[in-house]
C-alpha atoms as a PDB file:
ATOM      1  CA  MET A   1     272.526 -88.453  -2.400  1.00  0.00           C
ATOM      2  CA  ARG A   2     271.971 -84.801  -3.346  1.00  0.00           C
ATOM      3  CA  GLN A   3     274.541 -82.333  -2.027  1.00  0.00           C
ATOM      4  CA  PHE A   4     273.340 -79.006  -0.676  1.00  0.00           C
ATOM      5  CA  LYS A   5     275.040 -75.676  -0.052  1.00  0.00           C
ATOM      6  CA  TRP A   6     273.344 -75.219   3.338  1.00  0.00           C
ATOM      7  CA  TYR A   7     273.159 -77.816   6.117  1.00  0.00           C
ATOM      8  CA  PHE A   8     272.261 -77.539   9.785  1.00  0.00           C
ATOM      9  CA  GLU A   9     275.904 -76.829  10.681  1.00  0.00           C
ATOM     10  CA  ASP A  10     275.878 -73.684   8.513  1.00  0.00           C
ATOM     11  CA  PHE A  11     273.271 -71.966  10.691  1.00  0.00           C
ATOM     12  CA  THR A  12     275.301 -70.497  13.526  1.00  0.00           C
ATOM     13  CA  PRO A  13     273.631 -68.091  15.959  1.00  0.00           C
ATOM     14  CA  GLY A  14     274.020 -64.493  14.824  1.00  0.00           C
ATOM     15  CA  ARG A  15     274.512 -65.344  11.151  1.00  0.00           C
ATOM     16  CA  THR A  16     272.452 -63.106   8.861  1.00  0.00           C
ATOM     17  CA  ILE A  17     271.649 -64.103   5.291  1.00  0.00           C
ATOM     18  CA  HIS A  18     270.311 -61.624   2.733  1.00  0.00           C
ATOM     19  CA  VAL A  19     267.750 -63.617   0.762  1.00  0.00           C
ATOM     20  CA  GLY A  20     266.480 -61.159  -1.836  1.00  0.00           C
ATOM     21  CA  THR A  21     264.553 -58.110  -2.908  1.00  0.00           C
ATOM     22  CA  ARG A  22     261.205 -57.690  -4.600  1.00  0.00           C
ATOM     23  CA  LEU A  23     259.217 -54.810  -6.093  1.00  0.00           C
ATOM     24  CA  VAL A  24     255.595 -54.843  -4.910  1.00  0.00           C
ATOM     25  CA  GLU A  25     253.084 -54.075  -7.647  1.00  0.00           C
ATOM     26  CA  GLU A  26     249.578 -52.671  -7.216  1.00  0.00           C
ATOM     27  CA  GLN A  27     247.835 -55.376  -9.236  1.00  0.00           C
ATOM     28  CA  GLU A  28     249.427 -58.206  -7.225  1.00  0.00           C
ATOM     29  CA  ILE A  29     248.255 -56.528  -3.993  1.00  0.00           C
ATOM     30  CA  ILE A  30     244.688 -56.437  -5.316  1.00  0.00           C
ATOM     31  CA  ASP A  31     244.793 -59.934  -6.851  1.00  0.00           C
ATOM     32  CA  PHE A  32     246.094 -61.557  -3.665  1.00  0.00           C
ATOM     33  CA  ALA A  33     243.603 -59.695  -1.488  1.00  0.00           C
ATOM     34  CA  ARG A  34     240.618 -60.489  -3.708  1.00  0.00           C
ATOM     35  CA  GLN A  35     241.373 -64.171  -3.306  1.00  0.00           C
ATOM     36  CA  PHE A  36     242.591 -64.386   0.290  1.00  0.00           C
ATOM     37  CA  ASP A  37     242.025 -61.167   2.306  1.00  0.00           C
ATOM     38  CA  PRO A  38     239.350 -58.995   0.659  1.00  0.00           C
ATOM     39  CA  GLN A  39     239.315 -56.150   3.156  1.00  0.00           C
ATOM     40  CA  PRO A  40     238.491 -52.803   1.474  1.00  0.00           C
ATOM     41  CA  PHE A  41     241.945 -51.223   2.024  1.00  0.00           C
ATOM     42  CA  HIS A  42     243.544 -54.225   0.253  1.00  0.00           C
ATOM     43  CA  VAL A  43     241.242 -54.409  -2.799  1.00  0.00           C
ATOM     44  CA  ASP A  44     240.039 -50.866  -3.482  1.00  0.00           C
ATOM     45  CA  LYS A  45     242.320 -47.876  -3.954  1.00  0.00           C
ATOM     46  CA  ALA A  46     239.585 -45.340  -3.036  1.00  0.00           C
ATOM     47  CA  ALA A  47     238.629 -47.291   0.089  1.00  0.00           C
ATOM     48  CA  GLY A  48     242.305 -47.463   1.015  1.00  0.00           C
ATOM     49  CA  GLU A  49     242.591 -43.681   0.697  1.00  0.00           C
ATOM     50  CA  GLN A  50     239.640 -43.273   3.098  1.00  0.00           C
ATOM     51  CA  SER A  51     241.127 -45.725   5.611  1.00  0.00           C
ATOM     52  CA  ILE A  52     243.577 -45.062   8.435  1.00  0.00           C
ATOM     53  CA  TYR A  53     246.328 -46.168   5.997  1.00  0.00           C
ATOM     54  CA  GLY A  54     245.708 -43.358   3.499  1.00  0.00           C
ATOM     55  CA  GLY A  55     246.021 -45.673   0.515  1.00  0.00           C
ATOM     56  CA  LEU A  56     245.964 -49.191  -0.809  1.00  0.00           C
ATOM     57  CA  ILE A  57     248.130 -51.578   1.247  1.00  0.00           C
ATOM     58  CA  ALA A  58     249.180 -55.192   0.879  1.00  0.00           C
ATOM     59  CA  SER A  59     247.684 -57.819   3.137  1.00  0.00           C
ATOM     60  CA  GLY A  60     250.127 -58.906   5.828  1.00  0.00           C
ATOM     61  CA  TRP A  61     249.586 -62.458   4.605  1.00  0.00           C
ATOM     62  CA  HIS A  62     250.642 -61.356   1.130  1.00  0.00           C
ATOM     63  CA  THR A  63     253.789 -59.827   2.616  1.00  0.00           C
ATOM     64  CA  CYS A  64     254.533 -63.126   4.386  1.00  0.00           C
ATOM     65  CA  GLY A  65     253.995 -64.981   1.106  1.00  0.00           C
ATOM     66  CA  MET A  66     256.416 -62.685  -0.704  1.00  0.00           C
ATOM     67  CA  MET A  67     258.951 -63.185   2.095  1.00  0.00           C
ATOM     68  CA  MET A  68     258.583 -66.962   1.819  1.00  0.00           C
ATOM     69  CA  ARG A  69     259.156 -66.823  -1.936  1.00  0.00           C
ATOM     70  CA  MET A  70     262.333 -64.792  -1.401  1.00  0.00           C
ATOM     71  CA  MET A  71     263.481 -67.302   1.242  1.00  0.00           C
ATOM     72  CA  VAL A  72     263.012 -70.198  -1.189  1.00  0.00           C
ATOM     73  CA  ASP A  73     264.640 -68.414  -4.118  1.00  0.00           C
ATOM     74  CA  GLY A  74     267.401 -66.895  -1.970  1.00  0.00           C
ATOM     75  CA  PHE A  75     268.671 -70.011  -0.241  1.00  0.00           C
ATOM     76  CA  MET A  76     266.120 -72.702   0.645  1.00  0.00           C
ATOM     77  CA  ARG A  77     266.403 -74.420  -2.755  1.00  0.00           C
ATOM     78  CA  GLU A  78     270.052 -75.003  -1.917  1.00  0.00           C
ATOM     79  CA  ALA A  79     269.379 -76.069   1.673  1.00  0.00           C
ATOM     80  CA  ALA A  80     268.880 -79.492   3.188  1.00  0.00           C
ATOM     81  CA  SER A  81     265.512 -78.310   4.486  1.00  0.00           C
ATOM     82  CA  LEU A  82     262.976 -80.678   6.002  1.00  0.00           C
ATOM     83  CA  GLY A  83     260.293 -78.015   6.360  1.00  0.00           C
ATOM     84  CA  SER A  84     259.135 -76.188   9.445  1.00  0.00           C
ATOM     85  CA  PRO A  85     257.286 -77.221  12.591  1.00  0.00           C
ATOM     86  CA  GLY A  86     255.829 -73.721  12.851  1.00  0.00           C
ATOM     87  CA  VAL A  87     256.034 -69.988  13.277  1.00  0.00           C
ATOM     88  CA  ASP A  88     256.111 -68.407  16.719  1.00  0.00           C
ATOM     89  CA  GLU A  89     255.460 -64.756  15.908  1.00  0.00           C
ATOM     90  CA  ILE A  90     254.523 -62.489  12.992  1.00  0.00           C
ATOM     91  CA  ARG A  91     254.537 -58.710  13.279  1.00  0.00           C
ATOM     92  CA  TRP A  92     253.217 -56.332  10.637  1.00  0.00           C
ATOM     93  CA  LEU A  93     254.914 -53.111  11.669  1.00  0.00           C
ATOM     94  CA  LYS A  94     254.333 -50.780   8.720  1.00  0.00           C
ATOM     95  CA  PRO A  95     252.060 -50.938   5.683  1.00  0.00           C
ATOM     96  CA  VAL A  96     253.465 -52.341   2.457  1.00  0.00           C
ATOM     97  CA  ARG A  97     252.406 -50.294  -0.558  1.00  0.00           C
ATOM     98  CA  ALA A  98     252.547 -50.567  -4.328  1.00  0.00           C
ATOM     99  CA  GLY A  99     255.964 -49.402  -5.494  1.00  0.00           C
ATOM    100  CA  ASP A 100     257.744 -50.520  -2.328  1.00  0.00           C
ATOM    101  CA  THR A 101     260.858 -52.614  -2.764  1.00  0.00           C
ATOM    102  CA  LEU A 102     261.147 -55.200  -0.025  1.00  0.00           C
ATOM    103  CA  SER A 103     264.515 -56.519   1.082  1.00  0.00           C
ATOM    104  CA  VAL A 104     264.505 -59.662   3.224  1.00  0.00           C
ATOM    105  CA  THR A 105     267.096 -61.109   5.578  1.00  0.00           C
ATOM    106  CA  THR A 106     267.012 -64.026   7.959  1.00  0.00           C
ATOM    107  CA  THR A 107     269.079 -64.111  11.141  1.00  0.00           C
ATOM    108  CA  VAL A 108     269.823 -67.284  13.074  1.00  0.00           C
ATOM    109  CA  LEU A 109     268.717 -66.934  16.695  1.00  0.00           C
ATOM    110  CA  ASP A 110     269.476 -70.479  17.861  1.00  0.00           C
ATOM    111  CA  ALA A 111     270.408 -73.848  16.376  1.00  0.00           C
ATOM    112  CA  ARG A 112     270.107 -77.137  18.204  1.00  0.00           C
ATOM    113  CA  PRO A 113     270.725 -80.691  17.059  1.00  0.00           C
ATOM    114  CA  SER A 114     267.754 -82.995  17.523  1.00  0.00           C
ATOM    115  CA  ALA A 115     268.066 -85.165  20.635  1.00  0.00           C
ATOM    116  CA  SER A 116     265.946 -87.947  19.139  1.00  0.00           C
ATOM    117  CA  LYS A 117     267.013 -87.777  15.467  1.00  0.00           C
ATOM    118  CA  PRO A 118     270.774 -87.285  15.104  1.00  0.00           C
ATOM    119  CA  ASP A 119     270.594 -86.700  11.338  1.00  0.00           C
ATOM    120  CA  ARG A 120     268.925 -83.282  11.781  1.00  0.00           C
ATOM    121  CA  GLY A 121     268.576 -80.126  13.816  1.00  0.00           C
ATOM    122  CA  VAL A 122     266.175 -77.257  14.439  1.00  0.00           C
ATOM    123  CA  VAL A 123     267.112 -73.682  13.597  1.00  0.00           C
ATOM    124  CA  HIS A 124     265.229 -70.724  15.108  1.00  0.00           C
ATOM    125  CA  THR A 125     265.321 -67.619  12.930  1.00  0.00           C
ATOM    126  CA  MET A 126     264.060 -64.062  12.633  1.00  0.00           C
ATOM    127  CA  TRP A 127     263.029 -62.975   9.163  1.00  0.00           C
ATOM    128  CA  GLU A 128     262.953 -59.258   8.547  1.00  0.00           C
ATOM    129  CA  ALA A 129     261.489 -57.363   5.587  1.00  0.00           C
ATOM    130  CA  LYS A 130     262.500 -53.736   5.091  1.00  0.00           C
ATOM    131  CA  ASN A 131     261.202 -51.278   2.530  1.00  0.00           C
ATOM    132  CA  GLN A 132     263.338 -49.076   0.290  1.00  0.00           C
ATOM    133  CA  HIS A 133     263.588 -46.510   3.109  1.00  0.00           C
ATOM    134  CA  GLY A 134     265.200 -49.042   5.451  1.00  0.00           C
ATOM    135  CA  GLU A 135     262.041 -49.254   7.572  1.00  0.00           C
ATOM    136  CA  THR A 136     261.193 -52.679   8.980  1.00  0.00           C
ATOM    137  CA  VAL A 137     257.722 -53.593   7.717  1.00  0.00           C
ATOM    138  CA  THR A 138     257.391 -57.234   8.821  1.00  0.00           C
ATOM    139  CA  THR A 139     259.174 -59.650  11.138  1.00  0.00           C
ATOM    140  CA  VAL A 140     258.654 -63.388  11.459  1.00  0.00           C
ATOM    141  CA  LYS A 141     260.117 -65.599  14.186  1.00  0.00           C
ATOM    142  CA  GLY A 142     260.019 -69.252  13.375  1.00  0.00           C
ATOM    143  CA  MET A 143     261.920 -72.441  13.016  1.00  0.00           C
ATOM    144  CA  GLY A 144     263.117 -74.784  10.340  1.00  0.00           C
ATOM    145  CA  MET A 145     264.415 -78.331  10.352  1.00  0.00           C
ATOM    146  CA  PHE A 146     267.598 -79.085   8.432  1.00  0.00           C
ATOM    147  CA  MET A 147     269.564 -82.244   7.756  1.00  0.00           C
ATOM    148  CA  ARG A 148     273.042 -82.431   9.233  1.00  0.00           C
ATOM    149  CA  ARG A 149     275.970 -82.493   6.852  1.00  0.00           C
ATOM    150  CA  PRO A 150     276.748 -86.077   5.812  1.00  0.00           C
ATOM    151  CA  LYS A 151     279.979 -87.501   7.148  1.00  0.00           C
ATOM    152  CA  GLU A 152     282.562 -88.054   4.425  1.00  0.00           C
ATOM    153  CA  ALA A 153     283.433 -91.657   3.609  1.00  0.00           C
ATOM    154  CA  ALA A 154     286.846 -92.622   4.951  1.00  0.00           C
END
């Protein structure tokens, strides 16, 4: 059986994990938006400048995708993750722009063992992305399911 660094028991309420940083590039903003969210302020620099945002901005969905990638690279690959039953809340608080460097953390809000499946538990978390100025740009409240740490053979 594969051994992981992170099991359900490692997610104690209040624990914060820094999962990574990422530089946001103009072309990736445009490429993502052209395919998934082609609003003018996401795909056209001039249209962005004429918008309430005063410039090209990343789609909030793109920001969430970048956050997810950092979560996977930062710790999920080493976690006994069983996926997620859902997200409760997403907030896009400030625009994300080309040249921004996002830094993402996840904080454990609550962790409960499953009542019906004793080999796992559900962890409620708050993901937070900040830009290079320390401003929170996006928050995500959600949950993940994790296997419990296997008992050692006697």
